[in-house]
Amino acid sequence: MGKFVITKRTNGEFQFNLTANNGQTILSSEGYTTKPNCEKGIESVKRNSQDDSKFDCKIASNGKPYFNLKATNGQIIGTSQLYESEASRDNGIASVKTNAPEAIIDDRTN
């Protein structure tokens, strides 16, 4: 089972990373000014990760594929790492879909 790891940035903002069973980060959030907003972002990922239309496949300026996960309002709630191939990116999307719904929360801000 994956987990959402909540951390605090040096600027005081909260963020989460969704990690797979092997500990690899598969999705990273934006910065949130409060922990409750960060937790709402996690709930949004859990909901939206089951809707294929919420995944936006992109190509970075260096040619590497990645994806964004968007909320119903179109706001980006998570961004993947850069992948070596589109097939690897697609595997990353599948991993988010598998791990996000039942992922536990590991709060490392205390």
N, C-alpha and C. Protein backbone atom coordinates (compact mmCIF):
# COMPACT_ATOMS: atom_id res chain seq x y z
N MET A 1 0.84 -1.18 0.00
CA MET A 1 0.00 0.00 0.00
C MET A 1 0.89 1.25 0.00
N GLY A 2 0.48 2.24 -0.77
CA GLY A 2 1.21 3.49 -0.80
C GLY A 2 0.90 4.36 0.40
N LYS A 3 1.56 5.50 0.46
CA LYS A 3 1.25 6.44 1.53
C LYS A 3 1.48 7.88 1.07
N PHE A 4 0.75 8.77 1.70
CA PHE A 4 0.93 10.20 1.51
C PHE A 4 1.82 10.69 2.63
N VAL A 5 2.97 11.23 2.28
CA VAL A 5 3.91 11.74 3.27
C VAL A 5 3.79 13.27 3.28
N ILE A 6 3.34 13.81 4.42
CA ILE A 6 3.21 15.26 4.58
C ILE A 6 4.48 15.79 5.22
N THR A 7 5.06 16.81 4.58
CA THR A 7 6.25 17.47 5.12
C THR A 7 6.05 18.97 5.09
N LYS A 8 6.95 19.67 5.75
CA LYS A 8 6.90 21.13 5.77
C LYS A 8 8.13 21.66 5.04
N ARG A 9 7.90 22.57 4.12
CA ARG A 9 9.00 23.17 3.35
C ARG A 9 9.72 24.21 4.21
N THR A 10 10.88 24.62 3.75
CA THR A 10 11.65 25.63 4.49
C THR A 10 10.92 26.96 4.57
N ASN A 11 10.01 27.22 3.62
CA ASN A 11 9.24 28.48 3.63
C ASN A 11 7.98 28.38 4.50
N GLY A 12 7.81 27.23 5.19
CA GLY A 12 6.68 27.06 6.08
C GLY A 12 5.46 26.42 5.44
N GLU A 13 5.48 26.22 4.12
CA GLU A 13 4.34 25.60 3.45
C GLU A 13 4.36 24.09 3.67
N PHE A 14 3.17 23.50 3.62
CA PHE A 14 3.02 22.05 3.73
C PHE A 14 2.91 21.47 2.32
N GLN A 15 3.40 20.25 2.16
CA GLN A 15 3.26 19.55 0.88
C GLN A 15 3.14 18.07 1.17
N PHE A 16 2.66 17.34 0.17
CA PHE A 16 2.63 15.88 0.30
C PHE A 16 3.24 15.24 -0.93
N ASN A 17 3.77 14.06 -0.70
CA ASN A 17 4.23 13.18 -1.77
C ASN A 17 3.48 11.86 -1.61
N LEU A 18 2.97 11.35 -2.72
CA LEU A 18 2.40 10.01 -2.73
C LEU A 18 3.53 9.07 -3.10
N THR A 19 3.79 8.10 -2.23
CA THR A 19 4.86 7.14 -2.48
C THR A 19 4.27 5.75 -2.68
N ALA A 20 4.92 4.98 -3.52
CA ALA A 20 4.51 3.60 -3.78
C ALA A 20 5.09 2.69 -2.69
N ASN A 21 4.74 1.42 -2.75
CA ASN A 21 5.23 0.44 -1.78
C ASN A 21 6.75 0.44 -1.65
N ASN A 22 7.43 0.67 -2.77
CA ASN A 22 8.89 0.64 -2.77
C ASN A 22 9.52 1.94 -2.28
N GLY A 23 8.69 2.90 -1.85
CA GLY A 23 9.19 4.17 -1.33
C GLY A 23 9.42 5.23 -2.38
N GLN A 24 9.24 4.89 -3.64
CA GLN A 24 9.45 5.85 -4.72
C GLN A 24 8.30 6.84 -4.77
N THR A 25 8.63 8.13 -4.91
CA THR A 25 7.62 9.16 -5.04
C THR A 25 7.00 9.09 -6.42
N ILE A 26 5.66 9.03 -6.46
CA ILE A 26 4.97 8.94 -7.75
C ILE A 26 4.13 10.17 -8.04
N LEU A 27 3.92 11.03 -7.02
CA LEU A 27 3.15 12.26 -7.22
C LEU A 27 3.52 13.24 -6.12
N SER A 28 3.76 14.50 -6.49
CA SER A 28 4.10 15.54 -5.52
C SER A 28 3.11 16.69 -5.64
N SER A 29 2.76 17.26 -4.50
CA SER A 29 1.79 18.35 -4.47
C SER A 29 2.47 19.70 -4.58
N GLU A 30 1.62 20.71 -4.71
CA GLU A 30 2.05 22.10 -4.60
C GLU A 30 2.26 22.38 -3.11
N GLY A 31 2.65 23.61 -2.79
CA GLY A 31 2.75 24.03 -1.41
C GLY A 31 1.42 24.56 -0.91
N TYR A 32 1.07 24.23 0.32
CA TYR A 32 -0.16 24.69 0.95
C TYR A 32 0.19 25.53 2.17
N THR A 33 -0.56 26.60 2.40
CA THR A 33 -0.26 27.47 3.53
C THR A 33 -0.67 26.86 4.87
N THR A 34 -1.62 25.91 4.86
CA THR A 34 -2.05 25.27 6.10
C THR A 34 -2.10 23.76 5.93
N LYS A 35 -1.94 23.06 7.05
CA LYS A 35 -2.01 21.60 7.01
C LYS A 35 -3.42 21.12 6.62
N PRO A 36 -4.51 21.74 7.13
CA PRO A 36 -5.84 21.29 6.69
C PRO A 36 -6.03 21.39 5.16
N ASN A 37 -5.48 22.41 4.53
CA ASN A 37 -5.58 22.52 3.07
C ASN A 37 -4.77 21.41 2.40
N CYS A 38 -3.62 21.09 2.97
CA CYS A 38 -2.80 19.99 2.45
C CYS A 38 -3.58 18.68 2.54
N GLU A 39 -4.26 18.47 3.66
CA GLU A 39 -5.05 17.25 3.84
C GLU A 39 -6.23 17.21 2.87
N LYS A 40 -6.81 18.37 2.55
CA LYS A 40 -7.87 18.42 1.54
C LYS A 40 -7.31 18.06 0.17
N GLY A 41 -6.08 18.47 -0.09
CA GLY A 41 -5.42 18.10 -1.35
C GLY A 41 -5.26 16.59 -1.47
N ILE A 42 -4.91 15.94 -0.36
CA ILE A 42 -4.79 14.48 -0.35
C ILE A 42 -6.13 13.84 -0.66
N GLU A 43 -7.20 14.32 -0.05
CA GLU A 43 -8.52 13.78 -0.32
C GLU A 43 -8.91 13.97 -1.79
N SER A 44 -8.51 15.10 -2.35
CA SER A 44 -8.78 15.37 -3.76
C SER A 44 -8.04 14.38 -4.66
N VAL A 45 -6.79 14.08 -4.30
CA VAL A 45 -6.03 13.09 -5.07
C VAL A 45 -6.73 11.73 -4.99
N LYS A 46 -7.15 11.34 -3.80
CA LYS A 46 -7.83 10.04 -3.65
C LYS A 46 -9.05 9.96 -4.56
N ARG A 47 -9.84 11.03 -4.59
CA ARG A 47 -11.06 11.04 -5.42
C ARG A 47 -10.74 11.09 -6.91
N ASN A 48 -9.91 12.03 -7.30
CA ASN A 48 -9.67 12.29 -8.72
C ASN A 48 -8.76 11.27 -9.40
N SER A 49 -8.01 10.51 -8.61
CA SER A 49 -7.08 9.54 -9.21
C SER A 49 -7.79 8.38 -9.90
N GLN A 50 -9.09 8.26 -9.67
CA GLN A 50 -9.83 7.16 -10.29
C GLN A 50 -10.50 7.56 -11.60
N ASP A 51 -10.29 8.80 -12.01
CA ASP A 51 -10.90 9.34 -13.23
C ASP A 51 -9.81 9.61 -14.27
N ASP A 52 -9.77 8.78 -15.30
CA ASP A 52 -8.72 8.92 -16.33
C ASP A 52 -8.65 10.32 -16.92
N SER A 53 -9.78 10.99 -17.02
CA SER A 53 -9.80 12.32 -17.64
C SER A 53 -9.09 13.38 -16.79
N LYS A 54 -8.77 13.05 -15.54
CA LYS A 54 -8.10 14.01 -14.65
C LYS A 54 -6.58 13.97 -14.80
N PHE A 55 -6.07 12.99 -15.54
CA PHE A 55 -4.63 12.89 -15.78
C PHE A 55 -4.28 13.62 -17.06
N ASP A 56 -3.36 14.56 -16.96
CA ASP A 56 -2.95 15.38 -18.09
C ASP A 56 -1.50 15.02 -18.43
N CYS A 57 -1.33 14.30 -19.53
CA CYS A 57 0.00 13.86 -19.95
C CYS A 57 0.72 14.99 -20.66
N LYS A 58 1.97 15.22 -20.26
CA LYS A 58 2.77 16.34 -20.77
C LYS A 58 4.16 15.86 -21.18
N ILE A 59 4.86 16.74 -21.89
CA ILE A 59 6.26 16.53 -22.23
C ILE A 59 7.03 17.76 -21.74
N ALA A 60 8.05 17.52 -20.92
CA ALA A 60 8.86 18.62 -20.38
C ALA A 60 9.74 19.22 -21.48
N SER A 61 10.31 20.36 -21.19
CA SER A 61 11.16 21.05 -22.18
C SER A 61 12.37 20.22 -22.57
N ASN A 62 12.78 19.28 -21.71
CA ASN A 62 13.91 18.41 -22.04
C ASN A 62 13.47 17.14 -22.78
N GLY A 63 12.17 17.06 -23.14
CA GLY A 63 11.65 15.93 -23.91
C GLY A 63 11.16 14.75 -23.08
N LYS A 64 11.27 14.85 -21.77
CA LYS A 64 10.85 13.73 -20.91
C LYS A 64 9.36 13.84 -20.57
N PRO A 65 8.65 12.72 -20.63
CA PRO A 65 7.22 12.74 -20.31
C PRO A 65 6.97 12.80 -18.80
N TYR A 66 5.85 13.41 -18.43
CA TYR A 66 5.38 13.45 -17.05
C TYR A 66 3.88 13.66 -17.09
N PHE A 67 3.24 13.73 -15.93
CA PHE A 67 1.80 13.99 -15.90
C PHE A 67 1.43 14.86 -14.72
N ASN A 68 0.32 15.55 -14.87
CA ASN A 68 -0.32 16.29 -13.79
C ASN A 68 -1.65 15.61 -13.49
N LEU A 69 -2.03 15.63 -12.23
CA LEU A 69 -3.37 15.19 -11.83
C LEU A 69 -4.15 16.44 -11.48
N LYS A 70 -5.31 16.59 -12.09
CA LYS A 70 -6.11 17.80 -11.89
C LYS A 70 -7.38 17.51 -11.11
N ALA A 71 -7.82 18.50 -10.35
CA ALA A 71 -9.08 18.43 -9.62
C ALA A 71 -10.22 18.74 -10.59
N THR A 72 -11.43 18.59 -10.10
CA THR A 72 -12.62 18.86 -10.92
C THR A 72 -12.62 20.29 -11.45
N ASN A 73 -12.07 21.23 -10.67
CA ASN A 73 -12.03 22.64 -11.09
C ASN A 73 -10.87 22.93 -12.05
N GLY A 74 -10.10 21.92 -12.41
CA GLY A 74 -8.99 22.09 -13.34
C GLY A 74 -7.67 22.44 -12.70
N GLN A 75 -7.65 22.67 -11.39
CA GLN A 75 -6.41 23.01 -10.69
C GLN A 75 -5.53 21.77 -10.56
N ILE A 76 -4.23 21.96 -10.74
CA ILE A 76 -3.28 20.85 -10.60
C ILE A 76 -3.13 20.54 -9.11
N ILE A 77 -3.35 19.27 -8.75
CA ILE A 77 -3.21 18.86 -7.36
C ILE A 77 -1.99 17.97 -7.14
N GLY A 78 -1.36 17.55 -8.22
CA GLY A 78 -0.16 16.75 -8.10
C GLY A 78 0.56 16.65 -9.43
N THR A 79 1.88 16.54 -9.36
CA THR A 79 2.73 16.43 -10.54
C THR A 79 3.68 15.24 -10.35
N SER A 80 3.89 14.50 -11.40
CA SER A 80 4.77 13.33 -11.33
C SER A 80 6.22 13.75 -11.51
N GLN A 81 7.07 12.76 -11.37
CA GLN A 81 8.48 12.92 -11.73
C GLN A 81 8.58 12.94 -13.25
N LEU A 82 9.77 13.17 -13.76
CA LEU A 82 10.02 13.04 -15.19
C LEU A 82 10.40 11.59 -15.48
N TYR A 83 9.84 11.07 -16.56
CA TYR A 83 10.07 9.67 -16.93
C TYR A 83 10.93 9.58 -18.18
N GLU A 84 11.52 8.41 -18.38
CA GLU A 84 12.36 8.18 -19.55
C GLU A 84 11.54 7.85 -20.80
N SER A 85 10.31 7.38 -20.60
CA SER A 85 9.49 7.00 -21.75
C SER A 85 8.02 7.23 -21.42
N GLU A 86 7.20 7.28 -22.47
CA GLU A 86 5.76 7.42 -22.27
C GLU A 86 5.20 6.18 -21.58
N ALA A 87 5.77 5.01 -21.87
CA ALA A 87 5.31 3.78 -21.22
C ALA A 87 5.57 3.84 -19.71
N SER A 88 6.72 4.38 -19.33
CA SER A 88 7.02 4.53 -17.90
C SER A 88 6.07 5.53 -17.25
N ARG A 89 5.77 6.60 -17.97
CA ARG A 89 4.80 7.58 -17.45
C ARG A 89 3.44 6.93 -17.25
N ASP A 90 3.02 6.12 -18.22
CA ASP A 90 1.74 5.44 -18.11
C ASP A 90 1.72 4.48 -16.92
N ASN A 91 2.85 3.85 -16.65
CA ASN A 91 2.97 2.99 -15.46
C ASN A 91 2.86 3.82 -14.19
N GLY A 92 3.40 5.05 -14.22
CA GLY A 92 3.28 5.95 -13.08
C GLY A 92 1.83 6.32 -12.81
N ILE A 93 1.08 6.59 -13.87
CA ILE A 93 -0.35 6.90 -13.72
C ILE A 93 -1.08 5.70 -13.12
N ALA A 94 -0.78 4.51 -13.62
CA ALA A 94 -1.40 3.30 -13.08
C ALA A 94 -1.07 3.12 -11.60
N SER A 95 0.15 3.47 -11.23
CA SER A 95 0.56 3.35 -9.83
C SER A 95 -0.20 4.32 -8.94
N VAL A 96 -0.42 5.55 -9.42
CA VAL A 96 -1.22 6.52 -8.66
C VAL A 96 -2.64 5.98 -8.49
N LYS A 97 -3.21 5.47 -9.56
CA LYS A 97 -4.58 4.94 -9.51
C LYS A 97 -4.69 3.78 -8.53
N THR A 98 -3.66 2.96 -8.44
CA THR A 98 -3.65 1.81 -7.55
C THR A 98 -3.40 2.23 -6.10
N ASN A 99 -2.44 3.11 -5.88
CA ASN A 99 -1.99 3.44 -4.53
C ASN A 99 -2.80 4.51 -3.81
N ALA A 100 -3.29 5.52 -4.54
CA ALA A 100 -3.90 6.68 -3.89
C ALA A 100 -5.15 6.37 -3.06
N PRO A 101 -6.10 5.57 -3.56
CA PRO A 101 -7.37 5.44 -2.83
C PRO A 101 -7.24 4.92 -1.40
N GLU A 102 -6.34 4.00 -1.16
CA GLU A 102 -6.21 3.38 0.17
C GLU A 102 -4.93 3.80 0.89
N ALA A 103 -4.20 4.76 0.34
CA ALA A 103 -2.93 5.16 0.95
C ALA A 103 -3.15 5.77 2.33
N ILE A 104 -2.25 5.40 3.24
CA ILE A 104 -2.29 5.96 4.59
C ILE A 104 -1.59 7.33 4.57
N ILE A 105 -1.79 8.10 5.61
CA ILE A 105 -1.13 9.41 5.72
C ILE A 105 -0.02 9.31 6.76
N ASP A 106 1.16 9.70 6.36
CA ASP A 106 2.34 9.72 7.23
C ASP A 106 2.73 11.19 7.41
N ASP A 107 2.29 11.77 8.53
CA ASP A 107 2.53 13.19 8.81
C ASP A 107 3.87 13.36 9.50
N ARG A 108 4.81 13.98 8.79
CA ARG A 108 6.16 14.18 9.33
C ARG A 108 6.42 15.63 9.73
N THR A 109 5.35 16.35 10.01
CA THR A 109 5.52 17.78 10.34
C THR A 109 5.63 18.03 11.83
N ASN A 110 5.45 17.01 12.65
CA ASN A 110 5.51 17.22 14.10
C ASN A 110 6.86 16.92 14.67
